Amino acid sequence: MTLAVILLVGAALIAVAAPTLLRRLTDTALTPRTVLAAWLGSIGGTVFFGASAVAVSLWPEHAPAESAVETLVRCWSVLSHTAAPGITAAVAGAVTVALALAAIRTTVVGRRHTRESRRVRTYHREVVAIVARSRGDVMWLDHPLPMAYSVGGRPGFVVATEGLSACLSAGEREAVLAHERAHLRGQHHRIVNVCNVLAEVFPRVPLFAAAPTAVTTLVELTADQHAARVTSSATVRSALTAVSASTLPRPAGTLGLSNDTSLRLWKLRIEGRARWPWLSCAAMGTVSMVGPIFTVLAGAGAVSALLCT
C-alpha cells in the first residue's frame, strides 16, 4: 500500500505542478521539440504512475519491496495496524471503481474522437478531391487566398490553395508545405487528439486540461522549426505573415500554419539549432516523467525517518 501511495502522490505532483513549470519553458530558448517532449513525458508519467498506483493497491502483498522504500513500508505497517479494520480493502475497492469508470469514459470519448477524425479524412478524400487537383501529397484548391493545412491519417495529406503560388514566393511556398509535412511526419494530429481525449475525460486535472492548447502551440512551433531547416527562418517568418493575413477559416480537426503568429515569429527570431536534438528530447521527457517520483521518495524517506524515530 505504501508503494501505491508514493506512486499516486507522484502522479498528483506531476498533474498539479507540471503545467506552471512547462508553460514557462515555452518562453525560453529551448527548442519547441524539447518542450513538447517535456509535456508528453509529464502526461505519460501521470498516466503511468497513476495506473501503477492502482495496480499496486489491488495486489499490495505482491508489490515489489524496493530497498528505497523498505523503511517506509515498515513504518506504514505499524501505522496501518492502528487504523480501522477493512480500510485498506475499502480504499482498494473505491480505487477499482474509479479506475473502471475512467476506463469506460476514456473508451467512449476516444472512440468518438476517432470517428470525428475519420469523418474529417473522409470528407477531404471524397469531397475536396472532387474540386482539387492532386499533385503528390498535396491537394490544390483553386482559391485566390493563400492557405494550407494538413489532414492526419494513413496516409495523411496536405490541402493548399493556388493562392500560395500567386501570393508567395517559391521559397515561401516550400516553407508552408514543409511545415504541413512536418505535422504528418511527426504524427502531430494524433498527439493533439490524445490530449483532447484526456482533457475531456479528466477536465479537473490541471495537466490534462492545459495540454490541448499548449501541445497544439508546440506542434506548430516544432513544424516551424522543421520548415526553417528546409528553407530559412526568414523565409518561414515571411510566409507565416502572408498566410496569417488570410481570412479563410481552417477546418476543424486539421493543423495549419496560421495560429499564434506573434509567439511563432518571436521563436523563429531567437531560436537556434540544438546540437543533439533527440538526446535533449529524451532527457527532458525522462526528467519530466520520473523526476517527481524521486522527489516524492526523498520526501517520504524524510517523513518515515521522523515517524520511526
Protein backbone atom coordinates (compact mmCIF):
# COMPACT_ATOMS: atom_id res chain seq x y z
CA MET A 1 0.00 0.00 0.00
CA THR A 2 2.90 2.33 0.73
CA LEU A 3 4.30 2.00 -2.77
CA ALA A 4 0.84 2.73 -4.17
CA VAL A 5 0.66 5.92 -2.11
CA ILE A 6 4.11 7.00 -3.33
CA LEU A 7 3.14 6.40 -6.96
CA LEU A 8 -0.18 8.18 -6.53
CA VAL A 9 1.43 11.21 -4.88
CA GLY A 10 4.00 11.31 -7.68
CA ALA A 11 1.25 11.28 -10.32
CA ALA A 12 -0.63 14.01 -8.47
CA LEU A 13 2.51 16.10 -8.15
CA ILE A 14 3.10 15.94 -11.90
CA ALA A 15 -0.54 16.63 -12.72
CA VAL A 16 -0.77 19.71 -10.49
CA ALA A 17 2.69 21.29 -10.61
CA ALA A 18 3.83 20.50 -14.15
CA PRO A 19 1.59 22.92 -16.14
CA THR A 20 3.01 26.05 -14.49
CA LEU A 21 6.60 24.91 -14.97
CA LEU A 22 6.06 23.72 -18.53
CA ARG A 23 4.39 26.96 -19.64
CA ARG A 24 7.50 28.85 -18.56
CA LEU A 25 9.68 26.60 -20.73
CA THR A 26 7.81 27.74 -23.86
CA ASP A 27 9.11 31.28 -23.36
CA THR A 28 12.75 30.17 -23.11
CA ALA A 29 15.39 29.44 -25.74
CA LEU A 30 14.69 25.69 -25.52
CA THR A 31 13.60 24.19 -28.81
CA PRO A 32 9.86 23.52 -29.17
CA ARG A 33 10.54 19.83 -29.70
CA THR A 34 12.33 19.66 -26.34
CA VAL A 35 9.47 21.43 -24.55
CA LEU A 36 6.97 19.17 -26.34
CA ALA A 37 8.91 16.16 -25.05
CA ALA A 38 8.58 17.57 -21.52
CA TRP A 39 4.80 17.89 -21.90
CA LEU A 40 4.46 14.38 -23.30
CA GLY A 41 6.76 12.98 -20.62
CA SER A 42 4.66 14.62 -17.91
CA ILE A 43 1.43 13.31 -19.41
CA GLY A 44 2.90 9.84 -19.77
CA GLY A 45 4.26 9.94 -16.24
CA THR A 46 0.90 10.95 -14.78
CA VAL A 47 -0.92 8.14 -16.60
CA PHE A 48 1.76 5.52 -15.90
CA PHE A 49 2.25 6.27 -12.21
CA GLY A 50 -1.49 6.66 -11.62
CA ALA A 51 -2.20 3.30 -13.26
CA SER A 52 0.71 1.70 -11.39
CA ALA A 53 -0.66 3.00 -8.09
CA VAL A 54 -3.98 1.34 -8.84
CA ALA A 55 -2.31 -1.94 -9.78
CA VAL A 56 -0.18 -1.97 -6.64
CA SER A 57 -3.15 -1.11 -4.42
CA LEU A 58 -5.09 -4.09 -5.79
CA TRP A 59 -2.25 -6.51 -5.10
CA PRO A 60 -0.38 -4.95 -2.17
CA GLU A 61 1.01 -8.25 -0.93
CA HIS A 62 2.76 -8.78 -4.28
CA ALA A 63 4.13 -5.26 -4.61
CA PRO A 64 7.89 -5.09 -5.01
CA ALA A 65 9.72 -4.33 -1.77
CA GLU A 66 12.34 -1.98 -3.09
CA SER A 67 15.19 -1.07 -0.78
CA ALA A 68 14.47 2.64 -1.20
CA VAL A 69 11.09 2.28 0.49
CA GLU A 70 11.63 -0.63 2.86
CA THR A 71 11.83 1.63 5.89
CA LEU A 72 8.70 3.49 4.88
CA VAL A 73 6.90 0.19 4.29
CA ARG A 74 7.69 -0.98 7.83
CA CYS A 75 6.53 2.33 9.27
CA TRP A 76 3.33 2.21 7.27
CA SER A 77 2.67 -1.33 8.52
CA VAL A 78 2.90 -0.12 12.10
CA LEU A 79 0.50 2.74 11.42
CA SER A 80 -1.94 0.63 9.41
CA HIS A 81 -2.46 -1.79 12.34
CA THR A 82 -3.94 1.10 14.32
CA ALA A 83 -6.39 2.00 11.54
CA ALA A 84 -9.98 0.78 11.39
CA PRO A 85 -10.30 -2.80 10.10
CA GLY A 86 -11.02 -3.08 6.39
CA ILE A 87 -9.85 0.42 5.50
CA THR A 88 -7.29 -0.88 3.02
CA ALA A 89 -9.90 -3.03 1.28
CA ALA A 90 -12.30 -0.10 1.15
CA VAL A 91 -9.70 2.16 -0.42
CA ALA A 92 -8.75 -0.52 -2.93
CA GLY A 93 -12.41 -1.05 -3.82
CA ALA A 94 -13.02 2.66 -4.32
CA VAL A 95 -9.92 2.96 -6.47
CA THR A 96 -11.03 -0.02 -8.57
CA VAL A 97 -14.46 1.51 -9.19
CA ALA A 98 -12.91 4.86 -10.11
CA LEU A 99 -10.49 3.16 -12.48
CA ALA A 100 -13.28 1.22 -14.18
CA LEU A 101 -15.36 4.37 -14.66
CA ALA A 102 -12.35 6.26 -16.03
CA ALA A 103 -11.54 3.43 -18.43
CA ILE A 104 -15.12 3.32 -19.73
CA ARG A 105 -15.24 7.09 -20.10
CA THR A 106 -11.88 7.14 -21.89
CA THR A 107 -13.01 4.42 -24.30
CA VAL A 108 -16.25 6.23 -25.14
CA VAL A 109 -14.61 9.62 -25.66
CA GLY A 110 -11.68 8.10 -27.56
CA ARG A 111 -13.98 6.30 -29.97
CA ARG A 112 -15.96 9.49 -30.55
CA HIS A 113 -12.79 11.45 -31.36
CA THR A 114 -11.63 8.64 -33.64
CA ARG A 115 -14.92 8.75 -35.55
CA GLU A 116 -14.67 12.52 -35.87
CA SER A 117 -11.11 12.28 -37.22
CA ARG A 118 -12.21 9.61 -39.68
CA ARG A 119 -15.10 11.84 -40.78
CA VAL A 120 -12.70 14.72 -41.48
CA ARG A 121 -10.41 12.46 -43.54
CA THR A 122 -13.35 11.01 -45.46
CA TYR A 123 -14.71 14.48 -46.21
CA HIS A 124 -11.43 15.62 -47.69
CA ARG A 125 -10.85 12.41 -49.57
CA GLU A 126 -14.31 12.27 -51.11
CA VAL A 127 -15.44 15.91 -51.29
CA VAL A 128 -12.39 18.13 -51.55
CA ALA A 129 -10.80 15.72 -54.00
CA ILE A 130 -13.64 16.45 -56.44
CA VAL A 131 -12.70 20.13 -56.76
CA ALA A 132 -8.98 19.85 -56.04
CA ARG A 133 -6.06 18.91 -58.24
CA SER A 134 -3.83 16.31 -56.64
CA ARG A 135 -0.07 16.67 -57.13
CA GLY A 136 1.90 14.29 -54.99
CA ASP A 137 0.77 14.52 -51.36
CA VAL A 138 -0.81 17.96 -51.88
CA MET A 139 -4.39 18.66 -52.95
CA TRP A 140 -4.54 22.08 -54.63
CA LEU A 141 -7.73 24.12 -54.42
CA ASP A 142 -8.48 26.91 -56.89
CA HIS A 143 -8.78 29.82 -54.46
CA PRO A 144 -7.01 33.20 -54.59
CA LEU A 145 -6.20 33.49 -50.87
CA PRO A 146 -3.11 31.69 -49.54
CA MET A 147 -3.86 28.90 -47.11
CA ALA A 148 -2.64 25.39 -46.32
CA TYR A 149 -3.44 22.77 -43.73
CA SER A 150 -2.73 19.10 -43.16
CA VAL A 151 -5.11 16.20 -42.59
CA GLY A 152 -3.79 13.35 -40.49
CA GLY A 153 -4.32 9.67 -41.18
CA ARG A 154 -2.81 6.81 -43.12
CA PRO A 155 -1.79 8.27 -45.39
CA GLY A 156 -2.11 11.90 -44.40
CA PHE A 157 -2.07 14.67 -46.95
CA VAL A 158 -1.84 18.44 -47.36
CA VAL A 159 -4.55 20.75 -48.71
CA ALA A 160 -3.33 24.04 -50.19
CA THR A 161 -4.78 26.82 -52.30
CA GLU A 162 -3.44 28.17 -55.56
CA GLY A 163 -3.17 31.48 -53.72
CA LEU A 164 0.10 30.18 -52.24
CA SER A 165 1.65 30.32 -55.70
CA ALA A 166 0.09 33.68 -56.52
CA CYS A 167 0.88 35.50 -53.25
CA LEU A 168 4.06 33.81 -52.03
CA SER A 169 7.49 33.28 -53.49
CA ALA A 170 8.71 29.80 -54.37
CA GLY A 171 10.74 29.63 -51.15
CA GLU A 172 7.82 30.75 -49.01
CA ARG A 173 5.54 28.21 -50.66
CA GLU A 174 8.09 25.48 -49.97
CA ALA A 175 8.28 26.60 -46.33
CA VAL A 176 4.49 26.32 -45.97
CA LEU A 177 4.44 22.83 -47.47
CA ALA A 178 7.42 21.74 -45.34
CA HIS A 179 5.54 22.95 -42.27
CA GLU A 180 2.48 20.87 -43.12
CA ARG A 181 4.53 17.78 -43.98
CA ALA A 182 6.26 18.08 -40.60
CA HIS A 183 2.83 17.70 -38.96
CA LEU A 184 2.25 14.49 -40.88
CA ARG A 185 5.72 13.08 -40.26
CA GLY A 186 5.60 13.84 -36.53
CA GLN A 187 2.10 12.37 -36.03
CA HIS A 188 1.06 15.72 -34.57
CA HIS A 189 -2.64 15.18 -35.28
CA ARG A 190 -2.64 12.01 -33.21
CA ILE A 191 -0.75 13.68 -30.34
CA VAL A 192 -3.26 16.55 -30.22
CA ASN A 193 -6.19 14.11 -30.37
CA VAL A 194 -4.86 12.15 -27.38
CA CYS A 195 -4.52 15.39 -25.41
CA ASN A 196 -8.09 16.37 -26.34
CA VAL A 197 -9.39 13.00 -25.14
CA LEU A 198 -7.58 13.25 -21.80
CA ALA A 199 -8.80 16.83 -21.30
CA GLU A 200 -12.40 15.78 -21.90
CA VAL A 201 -12.20 12.70 -19.67
CA PHE A 202 -10.28 14.41 -16.84
CA PRO A 203 -11.22 18.11 -17.10
CA ARG A 204 -10.32 18.81 -13.45
CA VAL A 205 -6.76 17.54 -13.77
CA PRO A 206 -4.68 20.69 -14.42
CA LEU A 207 -2.10 18.99 -16.64
CA PHE A 208 -4.68 17.35 -18.89
CA ALA A 209 -6.85 20.48 -19.04
CA ALA A 210 -3.91 22.64 -20.15
CA ALA A 211 -2.40 20.10 -22.57
CA PRO A 212 -4.54 20.62 -25.73
CA THR A 213 -3.80 24.33 -26.08
CA ALA A 214 -0.15 24.06 -25.08
CA VAL A 215 0.59 20.99 -27.19
CA THR A 216 -1.17 22.44 -30.24
CA THR A 217 1.02 25.53 -29.98
CA LEU A 218 4.16 23.42 -29.54
CA VAL A 219 3.49 21.20 -32.55
CA GLU A 220 3.07 24.36 -34.64
CA LEU A 221 6.37 25.69 -33.31
CA THR A 222 8.01 22.33 -33.98
CA ALA A 223 6.73 22.35 -37.56
CA ASP A 224 8.06 25.91 -37.95
CA GLN A 225 11.46 24.68 -36.80
CA HIS A 226 11.44 21.94 -39.44
CA ALA A 227 10.39 24.38 -42.16
CA ALA A 228 13.19 26.73 -41.11
CA ARG A 229 15.71 23.91 -41.55
CA VAL A 230 14.34 23.15 -45.02
CA THR A 231 14.34 26.82 -46.10
CA SER A 232 15.34 29.50 -43.58
CA SER A 233 13.90 31.28 -40.55
CA ALA A 234 13.43 34.48 -42.53
CA THR A 235 11.51 32.62 -45.24
CA VAL A 236 9.23 30.96 -42.70
CA ARG A 237 8.57 34.29 -41.00
CA SER A 238 7.57 35.97 -44.25
CA ALA A 239 5.40 33.01 -45.24
CA LEU A 240 3.74 32.97 -41.83
CA THR A 241 2.99 36.69 -42.05
CA ALA A 242 1.46 36.33 -45.51
CA VAL A 243 -0.65 33.28 -44.69
CA SER A 244 -1.85 34.64 -41.34
CA ALA A 245 -3.36 37.62 -43.15
CA SER A 246 -5.74 35.27 -44.98
CA THR A 247 -9.33 35.32 -43.73
CA LEU A 248 -10.03 31.72 -44.72
CA PRO A 249 -11.05 29.59 -41.72
CA ARG A 250 -9.08 26.42 -41.11
CA PRO A 251 -11.31 23.32 -40.96
CA ALA A 252 -11.79 21.64 -37.60
CA GLY A 253 -9.64 18.61 -36.97
CA THR A 254 -6.73 19.87 -39.06
CA LEU A 255 -3.42 21.60 -38.36
CA GLY A 256 -2.29 24.67 -40.27
CA LEU A 257 0.21 27.49 -40.47
CA SER A 258 -1.90 30.41 -39.30
CA ASN A 259 -2.06 30.03 -35.49
CA ASP A 260 -0.38 32.06 -32.69
CA THR A 261 1.64 34.17 -35.11
CA SER A 262 3.19 36.55 -32.56
CA LEU A 263 4.75 33.79 -30.46
CA ARG A 264 5.86 31.88 -33.53
CA LEU A 265 7.51 34.88 -35.15
CA TRP A 266 9.36 35.55 -31.91
CA LYS A 267 10.56 31.95 -31.61
CA LEU A 268 11.79 31.95 -35.20
CA ARG A 269 13.89 35.04 -34.44
CA ILE A 270 15.59 33.71 -31.31
CA GLU A 271 15.74 30.01 -31.97
CA GLY A 272 18.97 28.21 -32.67
CA ARG A 273 19.59 24.65 -33.70
CA ALA A 274 20.08 22.07 -30.95
CA ARG A 275 23.33 20.11 -31.26
CA TRP A 276 21.82 16.84 -30.02
CA PRO A 277 18.06 17.25 -30.61
CA TRP A 278 16.94 13.67 -29.97
CA LEU A 279 19.15 13.31 -26.90
CA SER A 280 17.84 16.55 -25.42
CA CYS A 281 14.24 15.48 -26.09
CA ALA A 282 14.80 12.08 -24.49
CA ALA A 283 16.49 13.64 -21.47
CA MET A 284 13.76 16.23 -20.99
CA GLY A 285 10.99 13.66 -21.36
CA THR A 286 12.66 11.31 -18.88
CA VAL A 287 13.31 14.02 -16.30
CA SER A 288 9.74 15.36 -16.51
CA MET A 289 8.37 11.83 -16.11
CA VAL A 290 10.46 10.35 -13.30
CA GLY A 291 11.77 13.47 -11.54
CA PRO A 292 8.67 13.95 -9.36
CA ILE A 293 8.81 10.33 -8.21
CA PHE A 294 12.34 10.83 -6.89
CA THR A 295 11.11 13.98 -5.17
CA VAL A 296 8.30 12.03 -3.52
CA LEU A 297 10.68 9.26 -2.49
CA ALA A 298 13.05 11.78 -0.91
CA GLY A 299 10.18 13.40 0.96
CA ALA A 300 8.75 10.04 2.00
CA GLY A 301 12.16 8.97 3.29
CA ALA A 302 12.36 12.10 5.42
CA VAL A 303 8.84 11.58 6.76
CA SER A 304 9.47 7.91 7.50
CA ALA A 305 12.62 8.80 9.41
CA LEU A 306 10.58 11.16 11.60
CA LEU A 307 7.77 8.65 12.12
CA CYS A 308 10.03 5.74 13.02
CA THR A 309 12.30 7.56 15.42
